[in-house]
Protein backbone atom coordinates (compact mmCIF):
# COMPACT_ATOMS: atom_id res chain seq x y z
CA GLU A 1 4.43 -3.59 9.34
CA LEU A 2 1.74 -1.15 8.30
CA LEU A 3 2.39 1.55 5.73
CA ALA A 4 0.44 4.01 3.64
CA ALA A 5 -0.28 3.18 0.01
CA ARG A 6 -1.91 5.28 -2.68
CA PHE A 7 -4.94 3.46 -4.16
CA THR A 8 -5.01 3.70 -7.96
CA VAL A 9 -8.79 4.17 -8.28
CA ASP A 10 -9.07 7.42 -6.30
CA ASN A 11 -5.37 8.30 -5.81
CA GLU A 12 -5.89 8.67 -2.03
CA TRP A 13 -3.67 7.30 0.74
CA TYR A 14 -4.85 4.34 2.84
CA ARG A 15 -3.37 2.04 5.45
CA ALA A 16 -1.92 -1.09 3.89
CA ARG A 17 0.19 -4.16 4.59
CA VAL A 18 2.73 -5.73 2.23
CA GLU A 19 1.65 -9.28 1.42
CA LYS A 20 4.33 -10.30 -1.03
CA ILE A 21 7.34 -8.86 -2.84
CA GLU A 22 7.34 -10.41 -6.29
CA GLY A 23 10.50 -8.92 -7.80
CA ASN A 24 10.85 -6.31 -10.55
CA ASN A 25 9.42 -3.79 -8.04
CA ARG A 26 6.08 -5.66 -7.95
CA ILE A 27 4.66 -5.51 -4.45
CA SER A 28 1.35 -7.08 -3.52
CA ILE A 29 -0.41 -5.02 -0.86
CA TYR A 30 -3.59 -5.41 1.16
CA PHE A 31 -5.59 -2.33 2.15
CA ILE A 32 -6.45 -3.26 5.72
CA ASP A 33 -9.45 -0.96 6.19
CA TYR A 34 -11.31 -1.97 3.02
CA GLY A 35 -10.08 -5.45 2.10
CA ASN A 36 -8.82 -4.47 -1.36
CA ARG A 37 -5.63 -5.89 -2.84
CA GLU A 38 -3.41 -4.30 -5.43
CA ILE A 39 -0.05 -4.76 -7.13
CA ILE A 40 2.17 -1.70 -6.73
CA THR A 41 4.98 -1.18 -9.24
CA ASP A 42 5.72 2.48 -8.51
CA LEU A 43 7.44 2.62 -5.12
CA SER A 44 6.54 6.31 -4.74
CA ARG A 45 2.98 5.07 -4.05
CA LEU A 46 4.18 3.64 -0.70
CA THR A 47 5.30 5.56 2.38
CA LYS A 48 5.56 5.28 6.15
CA LEU A 49 2.35 5.87 8.05
CA PRO A 50 2.02 9.22 9.80
CA PRO A 51 1.70 8.68 13.59
CA GLY A 52 -2.00 9.62 13.58
CA MET A 53 -2.89 6.86 11.12
CA LEU A 54 -1.64 3.95 13.24
């Protein structure tokens, strides 16, 4: 499932996919449009994609 994730470098929202849930609120995500990966620990940095971003 695709979602929106806030990238820590520029604090903007991008389309992403969850790759792995590691426990202790550590979620590995993959930014599908740019190929970046990041570990998210703050769940407020993830949200559902708005319909126009699918």
